[in-house]
Protein backbone atom coordinates (compact mmCIF):
# COMPACT_ATOMS: atom_id res chain seq x y z
CA UNK A 1 16.95 14.83 27.15
CA UNK A 2 14.24 17.11 25.71
CA UNK A 3 12.00 14.58 23.92
CA UNK A 4 12.15 11.09 25.21
CA UNK A 5 12.44 8.64 22.24
CA UNK A 6 9.78 5.92 22.13
CA UNK A 7 11.57 2.44 21.81
CA UNK A 8 8.85 1.00 19.68
CA UNK A 9 9.90 3.20 16.76
CA UNK A 10 13.54 2.10 16.75
CA UNK A 11 15.36 -0.87 15.18
CA UNK A 12 18.15 -2.49 17.08
CA UNK A 13 21.00 -0.49 15.50
CA UNK A 14 19.32 2.88 16.05
CA UNK A 15 18.48 1.82 19.64
CA UNK A 16 22.11 0.86 20.35
CA UNK A 17 23.30 4.22 18.93
CA UNK A 18 20.77 6.11 21.03
CA UNK A 19 21.71 4.29 24.22
CA UNK A 20 25.32 5.00 23.75
CA UNK A 21 24.63 8.75 23.17
CA UNK A 22 22.10 8.98 26.11
CA UNK A 23 19.15 9.85 23.86
CA UNK A 24 17.33 6.59 24.89
CA UNK A 25 16.96 5.40 28.56
CA UNK A 26 18.29 1.98 28.94
CA UNK A 27 15.57 0.89 31.47
CA UNK A 28 12.97 2.06 29.16
CA UNK A 29 14.33 0.21 26.23
CA UNK A 30 14.73 -2.97 28.25
CA UNK A 31 11.18 -2.78 29.49
CA UNK A 32 10.09 -2.43 25.83
CA UNK A 33 12.07 -5.43 24.71
CA UNK A 34 10.68 -7.56 27.54
CA UNK A 35 7.13 -6.52 26.68
CA UNK A 36 7.37 -7.79 23.08
CA UNK A 37 5.60 -11.09 22.48
CA UNK A 38 7.43 -14.27 21.70
CA UNK A 39 6.62 -15.17 18.01
CA UNK A 40 9.27 -17.78 17.47
CA UNK A 41 6.56 -20.37 16.80
CA UNK A 42 5.37 -18.50 13.76
CA UNK A 43 8.74 -18.56 12.08
CA UNK A 44 9.49 -20.62 9.01
CA UNK A 45 12.78 -21.97 7.76
CA UNK A 46 14.45 -20.27 4.73
CA UNK A 47 16.64 -21.93 2.32
CA UNK A 48 19.20 -19.86 0.27
CA UNK A 49 20.72 -21.30 -2.86
CA UNK A 50 23.60 -19.62 -4.66
CA UNK A 51 23.12 -18.96 -8.33
CA UNK A 52 26.07 -21.18 -9.40
CA UNK A 53 24.46 -24.14 -7.57
CA UNK A 54 21.37 -23.95 -9.77
CA UNK A 55 21.10 -25.50 -13.20
CA UNK A 56 19.32 -23.98 -16.06
CA UNK A 57 16.39 -26.37 -15.76
CA UNK A 58 15.70 -24.90 -12.26
CA UNK A 59 14.58 -21.65 -13.94
CA UNK A 60 12.27 -23.26 -16.48
CA UNK A 61 8.52 -23.54 -15.87
CA UNK A 62 5.85 -24.85 -17.94
CA UNK A 63 4.96 -21.59 -19.74
CA UNK A 64 8.65 -21.13 -20.86
CA UNK A 65 8.86 -24.60 -22.09
CA UNK A 66 5.89 -23.94 -24.44
CA UNK A 67 7.39 -20.72 -25.64
CA UNK A 68 10.73 -22.55 -26.47
CA UNK A 69 8.87 -25.20 -28.52
CA UNK A 70 7.02 -22.57 -30.61
CA UNK A 71 10.34 -20.61 -31.19
CA UNK A 72 12.21 -23.68 -32.25
CA UNK A 73 9.52 -24.51 -34.80
CA UNK A 74 10.09 -21.22 -36.62
């Protein structure tokens, strides 16, 4: 191993590949993971809605409604 890889520059998938190939030291990577702060309390819930669950009115906003009125008057 000529150049040791710094774990802070790796994402999980890359780290797993480097661990398997021996490029990354497993103990160094584990120390890095354990040194990361716990930021779970900063998380926010995310709601995903599928397009077919939405109705057309969900996409309308006040500006669009005003534009539609002026177009229908023409």
